[in-house]
Amino acid sequence: ETLKHRIRFSMSAEGADASRKSWYFSNAFYSVEYFKTFAIFEQLTSCTRRLLAGKMSIVCANLSNAYFSIANGANHIVYPDGTAPFEGMQHSFPLEYQAVSSFIDSVRKLHLDEREYVLLKALLMLSPSLDDASTSERALLTTQSECYAKALLSYVLARRGTQHGPRAYQEMLSTIDMLSHRVKIEK
């Protein structure tokens, strides 16, 4: 209901102008297109592709929005055209505004570089649970996810060392749960 309310507000005359791009939905679309580039995509049934794409697209879009905003020095979501989805909306949606700010702070504390961001995003794409997928598809997804998890761990250990790497890796993995929880709240 909250998401529908935000959409209605942003499409109203006082919420947006007619020429503004909807980055929120663009980033969800880009996430689906990114998922299609994975070799595993062709190995899944069309039903599983749709389910997985639907579950992970908003999760990945949230991470993309946060990463871009942090990279541009913002404490709130900022899109490439300079617009901010909560600009002027903090009074109408104070809880959502606070949740986004808190989320960005959590991602900022990870100090992700581009490789960590991309590997984390790959893990996000493969992480949603799929009760409707076949046993073989779930096994395939798990195998792919484990490969990306190992690659992320290896890179984090090489970049941050054995003293700080394990904790940073664990914090990155906990971000997946946090993002999934945020999406559930938004729905």
C-alpha atoms as a PDB file:
ATOM      1  CA  GLU A   1       0.000   0.000   0.000  1.00  0.00           C
ATOM      2  CA  THR A   2       2.866   2.392   0.809  1.00  0.00           C
ATOM      3  CA  LEU A   3       4.438   1.825  -2.603  1.00  0.00           C
ATOM      4  CA  LYS A   4       1.114   2.462  -4.365  1.00  0.00           C
ATOM      5  CA  HIS A   5       0.647   5.650  -2.345  1.00  0.00           C
ATOM      6  CA  ARG A   6       4.160   6.852  -3.280  1.00  0.00           C
ATOM      7  CA  ILE A   7       3.502   6.096  -6.957  1.00  0.00           C
ATOM      8  CA  ARG A   8       0.222   8.017  -6.901  1.00  0.00           C
ATOM      9  CA  PHE A   9       1.911  10.956  -5.171  1.00  0.00           C
ATOM     10  CA  SER A  10       4.835  11.047  -7.612  1.00  0.00           C
ATOM     11  CA  MET A  11       2.464  10.946 -10.585  1.00  0.00           C
ATOM     12  CA  SER A  12       0.247  13.731  -9.237  1.00  0.00           C
ATOM     13  CA  ALA A  13       0.728  17.310 -10.389  1.00  0.00           C
ATOM     14  CA  GLU A  14       2.427  18.392  -7.163  1.00  0.00           C
ATOM     15  CA  GLY A  15       4.649  15.281  -7.046  1.00  0.00           C
ATOM     16  CA  ALA A  16       6.378  15.383 -10.417  1.00  0.00           C
ATOM     17  CA  ASP A  17       6.499  17.007 -13.789  1.00  0.00           C
ATOM     18  CA  ALA A  18       5.559  15.196 -17.005  1.00  0.00           C
ATOM     19  CA  SER A  19       9.102  15.019 -18.402  1.00  0.00           C
ATOM     20  CA  ARG A  20      10.699  13.388 -15.351  1.00  0.00           C
ATOM     21  CA  LYS A  21      12.080   9.885 -15.784  1.00  0.00           C
ATOM     22  CA  SER A  22      11.019   7.255 -13.247  1.00  0.00           C
ATOM     23  CA  TRP A  23      14.458   6.073 -12.125  1.00  0.00           C
ATOM     24  CA  TYR A  24      12.970   3.747  -9.523  1.00  0.00           C
ATOM     25  CA  PHE A  25      11.329   1.637 -12.216  1.00  0.00           C
ATOM     26  CA  SER A  26      14.166   2.151 -14.717  1.00  0.00           C
ATOM     27  CA  ASN A  27      16.641   0.667 -12.275  1.00  0.00           C
ATOM     28  CA  ALA A  28      14.327  -2.300 -11.656  1.00  0.00           C
ATOM     29  CA  PHE A  29      14.149  -2.825 -15.424  1.00  0.00           C
ATOM     30  CA  TYR A  30      17.940  -2.516 -15.770  1.00  0.00           C
ATOM     31  CA  SER A  31      18.344  -5.149 -13.050  1.00  0.00           C
ATOM     32  CA  VAL A  32      16.223  -7.589 -15.032  1.00  0.00           C
ATOM     33  CA  GLU A  33      18.249  -6.877 -18.163  1.00  0.00           C
ATOM     34  CA  TYR A  34      21.468  -7.390 -16.178  1.00  0.00           C
ATOM     35  CA  PHE A  35      20.134 -10.732 -14.918  1.00  0.00           C
ATOM     36  CA  LYS A  36      19.538 -11.809 -18.521  1.00  0.00           C
ATOM     37  CA  THR A  37      23.277 -11.529 -19.188  1.00  0.00           C
ATOM     38  CA  PHE A  38      24.068 -14.328 -16.724  1.00  0.00           C
ATOM     39  CA  ALA A  39      24.688 -17.747 -18.310  1.00  0.00           C
ATOM     40  CA  ILE A  40      22.369 -19.329 -15.752  1.00  0.00           C
ATOM     41  CA  PHE A  41      19.433 -17.349 -17.161  1.00  0.00           C
ATOM     42  CA  GLU A  42      19.157 -19.610 -20.220  1.00  0.00           C
ATOM     43  CA  GLN A  43      19.266 -22.736 -18.030  1.00  0.00           C
ATOM     44  CA  LEU A  44      16.135 -21.803 -16.075  1.00  0.00           C
ATOM     45  CA  THR A  45      12.530 -22.327 -17.129  1.00  0.00           C
ATOM     46  CA  SER A  46      10.610 -19.253 -18.220  1.00  0.00           C
ATOM     47  CA  CYS A  47       8.463 -19.482 -15.077  1.00  0.00           C
ATOM     48  CA  THR A  48      11.521 -19.511 -12.810  1.00  0.00           C
ATOM     49  CA  ARG A  49      13.093 -16.653 -14.791  1.00  0.00           C
ATOM     50  CA  ARG A  50      10.003 -14.511 -14.232  1.00  0.00           C
ATOM     51  CA  LEU A  51       9.803 -15.364 -10.528  1.00  0.00           C
ATOM     52  CA  LEU A  52      13.473 -14.710  -9.910  1.00  0.00           C
ATOM     53  CA  ALA A  53      13.504 -11.515 -11.972  1.00  0.00           C
ATOM     54  CA  GLY A  54      10.470 -10.210 -10.128  1.00  0.00           C
ATOM     55  CA  LYS A  55      11.889 -10.957  -6.700  1.00  0.00           C
ATOM     56  CA  MET A  56      15.378  -9.626  -7.281  1.00  0.00           C
ATOM     57  CA  SER A  57      14.756  -6.596  -9.496  1.00  0.00           C
ATOM     58  CA  ILE A  58      13.563  -4.243  -6.764  1.00  0.00           C
ATOM     59  CA  VAL A  59      16.194  -5.539  -4.330  1.00  0.00           C
ATOM     60  CA  CYS A  60      18.954  -4.837  -6.857  1.00  0.00           C
ATOM     61  CA  ALA A  61      17.443  -1.482  -7.793  1.00  0.00           C
ATOM     62  CA  ASN A  62      17.588  -0.434  -4.135  1.00  0.00           C
ATOM     63  CA  LEU A  63      21.267  -1.354  -3.917  1.00  0.00           C
ATOM     64  CA  SER A  64      22.004   0.412  -7.224  1.00  0.00           C
ATOM     65  CA  ASN A  65      20.218   3.560  -6.045  1.00  0.00           C
ATOM     66  CA  ALA A  66      22.122   3.581  -2.765  1.00  0.00           C
ATOM     67  CA  TYR A  67      25.511   2.886  -4.370  1.00  0.00           C
ATOM     68  CA  PHE A  68      25.066   5.629  -6.971  1.00  0.00           C
ATOM     69  CA  SER A  69      23.920   8.097  -4.315  1.00  0.00           C
ATOM     70  CA  ILE A  70      26.853   7.304  -2.027  1.00  0.00           C
ATOM     71  CA  ALA A  71      29.302   7.567  -4.936  1.00  0.00           C
ATOM     72  CA  ASN A  72      27.939  11.071  -5.543  1.00  0.00           C
ATOM     73  CA  GLY A  73      28.284  12.104  -1.901  1.00  0.00           C
ATOM     74  CA  ALA A  74      24.576  12.153  -1.077  1.00  0.00           C
ATOM     75  CA  ASN A  75      22.946  11.168   2.211  1.00  0.00           C
ATOM     76  CA  HIS A  76      19.707  10.381   0.427  1.00  0.00           C
ATOM     77  CA  ILE A  77      18.723   8.755  -2.871  1.00  0.00           C
ATOM     78  CA  VAL A  78      19.807  10.846  -5.849  1.00  0.00           C
ATOM     79  CA  TYR A  79      19.284   9.798  -9.450  1.00  0.00           C
ATOM     80  CA  PRO A  80      21.607  10.518 -12.403  1.00  0.00           C
ATOM     81  CA  ASP A  81      19.472  13.448 -13.557  1.00  0.00           C
ATOM     82  CA  GLY A  82      19.839  15.072 -10.129  1.00  0.00           C
ATOM     83  CA  THR A  83      16.315  14.348  -8.915  1.00  0.00           C
ATOM     84  CA  ALA A  84      15.701  12.862  -5.499  1.00  0.00           C
ATOM     85  CA  PRO A  85      12.647  10.641  -4.948  1.00  0.00           C
ATOM     86  CA  PHE A  86      12.020  11.918  -1.433  1.00  0.00           C
ATOM     87  CA  GLU A  87      12.691  15.549  -2.229  1.00  0.00           C
ATOM     88  CA  GLY A  88       9.796  17.425  -0.705  1.00  0.00           C
ATOM     89  CA  MET A  89       8.240  14.165   0.466  1.00  0.00           C
ATOM     90  CA  GLN A  90       9.890  13.900   3.891  1.00  0.00           C
ATOM     91  CA  HIS A  91       6.809  15.505   5.421  1.00  0.00           C
ATOM     92  CA  SER A  92       4.381  13.164   3.640  1.00  0.00           C
ATOM     93  CA  PHE A  93       6.498  10.038   4.164  1.00  0.00           C
ATOM     94  CA  PRO A  94       8.709  10.624   7.239  1.00  0.00           C
ATOM     95  CA  LEU A  95       9.125   6.937   8.085  1.00  0.00           C
ATOM     96  CA  GLU A  96      10.120   6.027   4.533  1.00  0.00           C
ATOM     97  CA  TYR A  97      12.513   8.968   4.397  1.00  0.00           C
ATOM     98  CA  GLN A  98      14.164   7.859   7.647  1.00  0.00           C
ATOM     99  CA  ALA A  99      14.328   4.225   6.461  1.00  0.00           C
ATOM    100  CA  VAL A 100      16.074   5.248   3.230  1.00  0.00           C
ATOM    101  CA  SER A 101      18.545   7.449   5.107  1.00  0.00           C
ATOM    102  CA  SER A 102      19.296   4.620   7.522  1.00  0.00           C
ATOM    103  CA  PHE A 103      19.718   2.170   4.648  1.00  0.00           C
ATOM    104  CA  ILE A 104      22.152   4.470   2.836  1.00  0.00           C
ATOM    105  CA  ASP A 105      24.149   4.875   6.041  1.00  0.00           C
ATOM    106  CA  SER A 106      24.342   1.076   6.364  1.00  0.00           C
ATOM    107  CA  VAL A 107      25.585   0.656   2.799  1.00  0.00           C
ATOM    108  CA  ARG A 108      28.029   3.561   3.194  1.00  0.00           C
ATOM    109  CA  LYS A 109      29.588   1.857   6.228  1.00  0.00           C
ATOM    110  CA  LEU A 110      30.483  -1.118   4.018  1.00  0.00           C
ATOM    111  CA  HIS A 111      32.930   1.052   2.017  1.00  0.00           C
ATOM    112  CA  LEU A 112      32.199  -0.959  -1.134  1.00  0.00           C
ATOM    113  CA  ASP A 113      34.399  -0.547  -4.148  1.00  0.00           C
ATOM    114  CA  GLU A 114      33.055  -1.271  -7.632  1.00  0.00           C
ATOM    115  CA  ARG A 115      34.058  -4.945  -7.653  1.00  0.00           C
ATOM    116  CA  GLU A 116      32.471  -5.614  -4.280  1.00  0.00           C
ATOM    117  CA  TYR A 117      29.326  -3.816  -5.423  1.00  0.00           C
ATOM    118  CA  VAL A 118      29.073  -5.896  -8.611  1.00  0.00           C
ATOM    119  CA  LEU A 119      29.705  -9.185  -6.798  1.00  0.00           C
ATOM    120  CA  LEU A 120      27.198  -8.286  -4.094  1.00  0.00           C
ATOM    121  CA  LYS A 121      24.660  -7.403  -6.766  1.00  0.00           C
ATOM    122  CA  ALA A 122      25.243 -10.800  -8.430  1.00  0.00           C
ATOM    123  CA  LEU A 123      24.605 -12.492  -5.090  1.00  0.00           C
ATOM    124  CA  LEU A 124      21.411 -10.481  -4.701  1.00  0.00           C
ATOM    125  CA  MET A 125      20.195 -11.702  -8.057  1.00  0.00           C
ATOM    126  CA  LEU A 126      20.667 -15.314  -7.101  1.00  0.00           C
ATOM    127  CA  SER A 127      19.513 -15.089  -3.479  1.00  0.00           C
ATOM    128  CA  PRO A 128      15.697 -14.891  -3.535  1.00  0.00           C
ATOM    129  CA  SER A 129      14.077 -18.128  -2.418  1.00  0.00           C
ATOM    130  CA  LEU A 130      12.066 -19.861  -5.081  1.00  0.00           C
ATOM    131  CA  ASP A 131       9.641 -22.368  -3.688  1.00  0.00           C
ATOM    132  CA  ASP A 132       8.154 -22.910  -7.158  1.00  0.00           C
ATOM    133  CA  ALA A 133      11.489 -23.760  -8.806  1.00  0.00           C
ATOM    134  CA  SER A 134      12.408 -27.356  -9.456  1.00  0.00           C
ATOM    135  CA  THR A 135      14.960 -29.093  -7.273  1.00  0.00           C
ATOM    136  CA  SER A 136      17.512 -29.026 -10.096  1.00  0.00           C
ATOM    137  CA  GLU A 137      16.971 -25.285 -10.664  1.00  0.00           C
ATOM    138  CA  ARG A 138      17.374 -24.526  -6.964  1.00  0.00           C
ATOM    139  CA  ALA A 139      20.579 -26.582  -6.963  1.00  0.00           C
ATOM    140  CA  LEU A 140      21.828 -24.653 -10.001  1.00  0.00           C
ATOM    141  CA  LEU A 141      21.025 -21.316  -8.364  1.00  0.00           C
ATOM    142  CA  THR A 142      22.729 -22.397  -5.156  1.00  0.00           C
ATOM    143  CA  THR A 143      25.844 -23.501  -7.036  1.00  0.00           C
ATOM    144  CA  GLN A 144      26.012 -20.189  -8.922  1.00  0.00           C
ATOM    145  CA  SER A 145      25.398 -18.225  -5.743  1.00  0.00           C
ATOM    146  CA  GLU A 146      28.181 -20.099  -3.948  1.00  0.00           C
ATOM    147  CA  CYS A 147      30.593 -19.283  -6.785  1.00  0.00           C
ATOM    148  CA  TYR A 148      29.851 -15.554  -6.446  1.00  0.00           C
ATOM    149  CA  ALA A 149      30.022 -15.769  -2.651  1.00  0.00           C
ATOM    150  CA  LYS A 150      33.470 -17.381  -2.864  1.00  0.00           C
ATOM    151  CA  ALA A 151      34.618 -14.778  -5.377  1.00  0.00           C
ATOM    152  CA  LEU A 152      33.386 -11.974  -3.105  1.00  0.00           C
ATOM    153  CA  LEU A 153      35.060 -13.507  -0.042  1.00  0.00           C
ATOM    154  CA  SER A 154      38.329 -13.978  -1.906  1.00  0.00           C
ATOM    155  CA  TYR A 155      38.290 -10.423  -3.189  1.00  0.00           C
ATOM    156  CA  VAL A 156      37.324  -8.928   0.187  1.00  0.00           C
ATOM    157  CA  LEU A 157      40.122 -10.846   1.932  1.00  0.00           C
ATOM    158  CA  ALA A 158      42.638  -9.710  -0.686  1.00  0.00           C
ATOM    159  CA  ARG A 159      41.475  -6.097  -0.504  1.00  0.00           C
ATOM    160  CA  ARG A 160      40.901  -5.727   3.227  1.00  0.00           C
ATOM    161  CA  GLY A 161      43.211  -8.364   4.677  1.00  0.00           C
ATOM    162  CA  THR A 162      42.523 -11.282   6.972  1.00  0.00           C
ATOM    163  CA  GLN A 163      42.002  -9.047  10.005  1.00  0.00           C
ATOM    164  CA  HIS A 164      39.164  -6.897   8.610  1.00  0.00           C
ATOM    165  CA  GLY A 165      38.033  -8.956   5.622  1.00  0.00           C
ATOM    166  CA  PRO A 166      35.894 -11.611   7.355  1.00  0.00           C
ATOM    167  CA  ARG A 167      33.846  -9.042   9.256  1.00  0.00           C
ATOM    168  CA  ALA A 168      33.399  -6.873   6.162  1.00  0.00           C
ATOM    169  CA  TYR A 169      32.287  -9.934   4.184  1.00  0.00           C
ATOM    170  CA  GLN A 170      29.747 -10.864   6.869  1.00  0.00           C
ATOM    171  CA  GLU A 171      28.400  -7.303   6.879  1.00  0.00           C
ATOM    172  CA  MET A 172      28.022  -7.438   3.096  1.00  0.00           C
ATOM    173  CA  LEU A 173      26.063 -10.682   3.346  1.00  0.00           C
ATOM    174  CA  SER A 174      23.826  -9.201   6.027  1.00  0.00           C
ATOM    175  CA  THR A 175      23.033  -6.404   3.560  1.00  0.00           C
ATOM    176  CA  ILE A 176      21.262  -9.004   1.404  1.00  0.00           C
ATOM    177  CA  ASP A 177      18.895  -9.792   4.273  1.00  0.00           C
ATOM    178  CA  MET A 178      18.419  -6.092   5.021  1.00  0.00           C
ATOM    179  CA  LEU A 179      17.578  -5.344   1.375  1.00  0.00           C
ATOM    180  CA  SER A 180      15.120  -8.244   1.177  1.00  0.00           C
ATOM    181  CA  HIS A 181      13.450  -7.003   4.347  1.00  0.00           C
ATOM    182  CA  ARG A 182      13.212  -3.448   2.954  1.00  0.00           C
ATOM    183  CA  VAL A 183      11.482  -4.723  -0.174  1.00  0.00           C
ATOM    184  CA  LYS A 184       8.971  -6.691   1.908  1.00  0.00           C
ATOM    185  CA  ILE A 185       8.184  -3.545   3.890  1.00  0.00           C
ATOM    186  CA  GLU A 186       7.793  -1.485   0.698  1.00  0.00           C
ATOM    187  CA  LYS A 187       5.304  -3.959  -0.746  1.00  0.00           C
END
